[in-house]
Protein backbone atom coordinates (compact mmCIF):
# COMPACT_ATOMS: atom_id res chain seq x y z
CA MET A 1 -0.10 -0.11 0.05
CA PHE A 2 1.38 3.56 -0.91
CA LEU A 3 1.32 6.11 1.92
CA SER A 4 1.10 9.62 0.61
CA THR A 5 2.25 11.23 4.00
CA PRO A 6 5.09 9.67 6.00
CA SER A 7 4.22 8.98 9.61
CA LYS A 8 5.66 11.44 12.29
CA GLN A 9 7.66 8.55 13.63
CA LEU A 10 9.35 7.85 10.39
CA VAL A 11 9.93 11.54 9.75
CA ARG A 12 11.52 12.06 13.42
CA GLY A 13 13.56 8.78 12.99
CA ALA A 14 15.00 9.98 9.49
CA ALA A 15 15.77 13.44 10.82
CA PHE A 16 17.59 11.93 14.04
CA SER A 17 19.58 9.71 11.88
CA ALA A 18 20.70 12.42 9.60
CA LEU A 19 21.52 14.58 12.62
CA ALA A 20 23.42 11.70 14.01
CA LEU A 21 25.39 11.11 11.01
CA THR A 22 26.20 14.68 10.53
CA SER A 23 27.42 15.12 13.96
CA LEU A 24 29.54 12.18 13.75
CA TYR A 25 31.04 13.31 10.47
CA LEU A 26 31.82 16.78 11.56
CA THR A 27 33.43 15.42 14.81
CA ALA A 28 35.76 13.10 12.70
CA CYS A 29 36.69 15.80 10.25
CA SER A 30 37.54 18.67 12.51
CA SER A 31 41.12 17.69 13.81
CA ASN A 32 44.32 19.01 12.85
CA THR A 33 45.87 15.49 12.72
CA PRO A 34 46.69 13.86 9.20
CA THR A 35 43.85 12.11 7.56
CA VAL A 36 44.17 9.34 5.06
CA THR A 37 41.51 9.84 2.43
CA SER A 38 39.56 6.95 1.03
CA GLN A 39 40.03 8.09 -2.64
CA SER A 40 43.49 9.54 -2.66
CA GLY A 41 44.98 7.13 -0.29
CA GLN A 42 48.71 7.68 0.28
CA LEU A 43 48.71 10.82 -2.08
CA THR A 44 47.14 12.76 0.76
CA ALA A 45 47.96 10.65 3.72
CA ASP A 46 50.36 13.39 4.95
CA ILE A 47 47.88 16.27 4.68
CA VAL A 48 46.91 18.00 7.93
CA ARG A 49 43.35 18.73 8.09
CA GLY A 50 41.46 21.78 9.68
CA GLY A 51 37.93 22.89 10.27
CA MET A 52 35.30 20.94 8.05
CA THR A 53 36.95 19.28 5.14
CA THR A 54 36.01 16.46 3.11
CA ASP A 55 37.88 13.83 1.16
CA ALA A 56 35.95 14.42 -2.14
CA ALA A 57 36.84 18.26 -2.03
CA LEU A 58 40.49 17.57 -1.33
CA ASP A 59 40.49 15.20 -4.36
CA GLU A 60 38.67 17.89 -6.56
CA PHE A 61 41.26 20.53 -5.23
CA LEU A 62 44.31 18.40 -5.99
CA GLY A 63 43.12 17.44 -9.35
CA ALA A 64 42.80 21.06 -10.48
CA VAL A 65 45.44 23.54 -11.75
CA PRO A 66 45.37 26.69 -9.76
CA ASP A 67 45.41 30.10 -11.54
CA ASP A 68 47.23 33.09 -10.39
CA TRP A 69 44.34 35.25 -8.89
CA GLY A 70 46.28 36.57 -5.78
CA TRP A 71 43.54 38.57 -4.20
CA ALA A 72 41.16 35.34 -4.19
CA GLY A 73 44.14 33.07 -3.24
CA GLY A 74 45.05 34.55 0.10
CA VAL A 75 47.48 36.93 1.79
CA PHE A 76 49.02 36.29 5.25
CA ASP A 77 48.19 38.31 8.29
CA SER A 78 50.63 36.40 10.58
CA PRO A 79 53.43 36.10 10.67
CA GLU A 80 53.63 39.58 9.43
CA PRO A 81 55.62 39.79 6.34
CA ASP A 82 58.39 42.34 5.98
CA ASP A 83 58.08 45.59 4.14
CA GLY A 84 58.31 43.92 0.57
CA GLY A 85 55.80 41.24 1.67
CA LEU A 86 57.92 38.35 0.74
CA THR A 87 59.66 37.27 3.95
CA ALA A 88 59.00 36.58 7.59
CA VAL A 89 60.97 35.69 10.50
CA VAL A 90 59.45 33.81 13.53
CA SER A 91 60.83 32.30 16.77
CA ALA A 92 61.45 28.68 17.16
CA ALA A 93 60.48 28.67 20.85
CA THR A 94 56.57 28.31 20.42
CA PRO A 95 54.57 27.16 17.36
CA GLU A 96 53.54 30.11 15.19
CA ALA A 97 49.83 30.92 14.75
CA PHE A 98 49.36 31.38 11.00
CA ALA A 99 46.58 33.52 9.99
CA TRP A 100 45.40 34.83 6.45
CA HIS A 101 42.61 36.39 4.66
CA ALA A 102 41.28 36.35 1.08
CA ASP A 103 38.66 37.98 -0.95
CA PRO A 104 35.80 35.51 -1.47
CA THR A 105 34.82 34.45 -5.00
CA THR A 106 31.22 33.86 -5.95
CA PRO A 107 29.68 31.63 -3.15
CA PRO A 108 27.33 28.62 -3.71
CA ASN A 109 23.93 29.78 -5.26
CA PRO A 110 21.54 30.32 -2.20
CA SER A 111 18.71 28.58 -4.20
CA ASP A 112 20.80 25.40 -4.32
CA THR A 113 20.64 22.70 -1.89
CA LEU A 114 23.87 22.64 0.11
CA LEU A 115 24.40 19.23 1.71
CA PRO A 116 25.85 19.60 5.35
CA THR A 117 28.07 16.52 4.67
CA LYS A 118 29.71 18.14 1.47
CA GLN A 119 32.34 20.79 1.27
CA ASN A 120 30.71 24.35 0.98
CA GLY A 121 32.31 27.67 0.78
CA GLN A 122 35.85 28.57 0.79
CA THR A 123 38.76 26.32 1.81
CA PHE A 124 42.59 26.95 1.75
CA PHE A 125 45.65 24.86 1.20
CA LEU A 126 48.94 25.75 2.88
CA VAL A 127 52.27 24.18 1.61
CA PHE A 128 55.34 24.48 3.41
CA SER A 129 58.27 23.34 1.41
CA VAL A 130 62.22 23.18 1.22
CA PRO A 131 64.27 22.32 -1.96
CA GLU A 132 64.76 18.74 -1.15
CA ASN A 133 61.01 18.25 0.22
CA ALA A 134 58.19 20.02 -1.67
CA LYS A 135 55.75 18.40 0.76
CA LEU A 136 57.26 19.28 4.17
CA LEU A 137 53.97 20.01 5.53
CA ARG A 138 50.59 20.52 3.72
CA VAL A 139 47.36 21.72 5.41
CA PHE A 140 43.82 21.56 3.88
CA THR A 141 41.39 23.70 5.98
CA SER A 142 38.13 25.72 5.94
CA LEU A 143 39.49 27.84 8.72
CA THR A 144 41.62 31.11 8.30
CA THR A 145 44.11 30.12 10.86
CA TYR A 146 46.43 27.27 11.55
CA THR A 147 48.73 26.71 14.70
CA PRO A 148 51.03 23.48 14.28
CA ASP A 149 51.00 21.10 17.24
CA ALA A 150 54.42 20.62 19.04
CA ALA A 151 55.46 17.67 16.95
CA THR A 152 54.48 19.33 13.58
CA TRP A 153 56.28 22.63 14.71
CA GLN A 154 59.32 20.80 15.60
CA LYS A 155 59.39 19.17 12.00
CA LEU A 156 59.52 22.74 10.63
CA VAL A 157 62.07 23.98 12.96
CA SER A 158 64.25 20.95 12.19
CA ALA A 159 64.22 21.85 8.39
CA SER A 160 67.09 24.24 9.65
CA GLN A 161 66.72 26.54 6.48
CA PRO A 162 64.29 29.04 5.00
CA ILE A 163 60.90 27.43 4.18
CA THR A 164 58.75 28.55 1.33
CA LEU A 165 55.02 28.86 2.50
CA SER A 166 52.29 29.19 -0.03
CA ILE A 167 48.46 29.68 0.12
CA THR A 168 45.97 28.65 -2.44
CA SER A 169 42.11 28.81 -2.11
CA GLY A 170 39.18 27.19 -3.53
CA THR A 171 35.51 27.80 -3.29
CA PHE A 172 33.10 24.67 -3.23
CA GLU A 173 29.54 23.75 -3.62
CA ASN A 174 28.71 20.25 -2.56
CA ASP A 175 32.36 19.05 -2.89
CA MET A 176 32.94 20.57 -6.36
CA LEU A 177 34.61 23.80 -7.21
CA THR A 178 32.27 26.67 -8.26
CA PRO A 179 32.65 28.10 -11.72
CA ASP A 180 35.11 30.95 -10.49
CA GLY A 181 36.13 28.98 -7.32
CA GLY A 182 39.62 28.26 -8.53
CA PRO A 183 41.93 27.04 -7.15
CA HIS A 184 43.52 30.38 -6.96
CA SER A 185 47.17 30.82 -6.01
CA GLY A 186 47.83 33.36 -3.33
CA GLN A 187 50.68 34.88 -1.52
CA THR A 188 54.00 32.93 -1.05
CA LEU A 189 56.57 33.83 1.83
CA ASN A 190 59.98 32.77 2.62
CA LEU A 191 59.69 31.81 6.15
CA THR A 192 62.77 31.71 8.53
CA ILE A 193 62.35 30.04 11.88
CA GLN A 194 65.17 30.85 14.40
């Protein structure tokens, strides 16, 4: 028999299940620890995740070629670059709190259905590199700040040479980059930790 209106119990049960799954998913994706993705496997196993990010969005981001649209890509606020905006010197004593801002690109269409388990809005990809290791540290985050934990900071300090730090942004709708969502290459700093 076909029911035209679902029962209140069925609707409540479905809503509770969706809420529980979303809560579990957000909790699992909100750490600053390396996450092995299901699709990219070892290609992204070393990437630190921050905020709410998804495996599918990371795959999409890494599969796209960034353009050079600096104002949308991101600019560092901390550490504060020198007068030329190309270098920054920070103390090795405590982990540096990195912060940045970027002009937004066109956000997802408000009339579209945005799924809470999908990547929506702006994300950032930080890459710390040295000549012999282009992937010294990589961070994919939906936040505009990142502070390494003690072990990760020690990894950067142990590089014992200037580090190139770059930022790239992307804007997503349901795990897919929006038409002008990039990725966009932003600022690059030469970072010295002493």
